[in-house]
Structures are given as structure tokens and as C-alpha cells.
């Protein structure tokens, strides 16, 4: 039986999710939220090395990750002001 092992590198583009941070605001009522800065997804290139034996993937290793565009976090204000009756 002949065993053929092949190793190749490939790259893929992936999105980077943004995170949301919260700031308290005494100007907004409790339960209210206001987006101060809208979040934006980033982008990265991931290089992987894949080893196949007889056409079947036996291992996949990330060789490098390069951030092309940084994700921009979203900033949200949350209200702390109490409603008066």
C-alpha cells in the first residue's frame, strides 16, 4: 500500500468581532441606553499549514495571524437617573 503525505499552506480572511463597553450616565433614565460610538468589525489573515495523508486531513496548525484592520469597540451609555413620580 502506498501512503501519500502532503503538507500545504493556505490563508483565509476572517472577521474580528467588536466588543461592547458600557458607561453609566446620570443624564439618562434607568433602562435607557444610548450608543456613543458604533462598533466596527475588524479583519485578519490567518495562515495555516495542513497535512493530508491519502487525501484525509490529519493535522491543521495555525502558522501566523496578521491583523489587517483592528476592530473598533462599541461604547454604550446606560442610564442611572431615577424617575420621579
Protein backbone atom coordinates (compact mmCIF):
# COMPACT_ATOMS: atom_id res chain seq x y z
CA UNK A 1 0.00 0.00 0.00
CA UNK A 2 1.33 3.44 -0.93
CA UNK A 3 0.91 6.22 1.65
CA UNK A 4 0.98 9.75 0.28
CA UNK A 5 1.52 12.59 2.75
CA UNK A 6 1.21 16.18 1.58
CA UNK A 7 1.74 19.40 3.57
CA UNK A 8 0.47 22.70 2.21
CA UNK A 9 -0.03 26.24 3.47
CA UNK A 10 -3.11 28.33 2.90
CA UNK A 11 -4.51 31.62 4.12
CA UNK A 12 -8.02 32.79 4.94
CA UNK A 13 -9.53 36.16 5.74
CA UNK A 14 -11.54 36.26 8.97
CA UNK A 15 -13.66 38.89 10.68
CA UNK A 16 -12.78 40.09 14.17
CA UNK A 17 -15.87 40.80 16.28
CA UNK A 18 -16.02 44.07 18.21
CA UNK A 19 -16.68 44.25 21.93
CA UNK A 20 -19.21 46.46 23.69
CA UNK A 21 -18.26 48.58 26.69
CA UNK A 22 -20.78 50.32 28.93
CA UNK A 23 -20.56 53.68 30.67
CA UNK A 24 -23.02 54.89 33.31
CA UNK A 25 -24.77 58.20 32.67
CA UNK A 26 -26.76 60.23 35.21
CA UNK A 27 -28.38 62.09 32.28
CA UNK A 28 -30.29 59.03 31.03
CA UNK A 29 -33.11 57.32 32.90
CA UNK A 30 -32.61 53.80 34.22
CA UNK A 31 -33.30 51.30 31.45
CA UNK A 32 -32.32 53.75 28.70
CA UNK A 33 -29.27 53.17 26.54
CA UNK A 34 -27.53 55.39 24.03
CA UNK A 35 -24.81 54.33 21.59
CA UNK A 36 -21.93 56.83 21.77
CA UNK A 37 -19.61 55.07 19.34
CA UNK A 38 -20.76 52.42 16.90
CA UNK A 39 -18.65 49.25 16.86
CA UNK A 40 -16.98 48.06 13.68
CA UNK A 41 -15.68 44.60 12.85
CA UNK A 42 -12.01 44.15 12.05
CA UNK A 43 -10.27 41.78 9.66
CA UNK A 44 -7.34 39.38 9.96
CA UNK A 45 -5.43 36.98 7.75
CA UNK A 46 -4.78 33.52 9.21
CA UNK A 47 -2.11 31.31 7.63
CA UNK A 48 -2.48 27.57 8.30
CA UNK A 49 -0.39 24.53 7.49
CA UNK A 50 -2.48 21.48 6.61
CA UNK A 51 -1.09 17.94 6.46
CA UNK A 52 -3.03 15.32 4.49
CA UNK A 53 -2.41 11.59 4.29
CA UNK A 54 -4.06 9.85 1.35
CA UNK A 55 -6.32 12.89 0.89
CA UNK A 56 -7.54 12.97 4.50
CA UNK A 57 -6.63 15.92 6.75
CA UNK A 58 -4.57 14.60 9.67
CA UNK A 59 -3.47 17.93 11.15
CA UNK A 60 -4.03 21.64 10.77
CA UNK A 61 -1.81 24.19 12.51
CA UNK A 62 -2.08 27.98 12.61
CA UNK A 63 1.29 29.34 11.48
CA UNK A 64 0.57 33.06 11.79
CA UNK A 65 -2.19 35.60 12.30
CA UNK A 66 -1.92 39.14 10.96
CA UNK A 67 -4.47 41.80 11.91
CA UNK A 68 -5.25 43.88 8.80
CA UNK A 69 -7.91 46.12 10.34
CA UNK A 70 -8.40 46.46 14.11
CA UNK A 71 -11.94 46.04 15.45
CA UNK A 72 -13.43 49.22 16.93
CA UNK A 73 -15.27 48.67 20.20
CA UNK A 74 -18.83 49.90 20.63
CA UNK A 75 -19.43 52.32 23.51
CA UNK A 76 -22.90 52.43 25.07
CA UNK A 77 -24.18 54.72 27.82
CA UNK A 78 -26.64 53.24 30.30
CA UNK A 79 -28.92 55.41 32.42
CA UNK A 80 -28.69 55.71 36.19
CA UNK A 81 -31.21 58.53 36.68
CA UNK A 82 -34.28 57.55 38.69
CA UNK A 83 -37.75 58.54 37.54
CA UNK A 84 -39.64 60.77 39.90
CA UNK A 85 -43.38 60.45 40.34
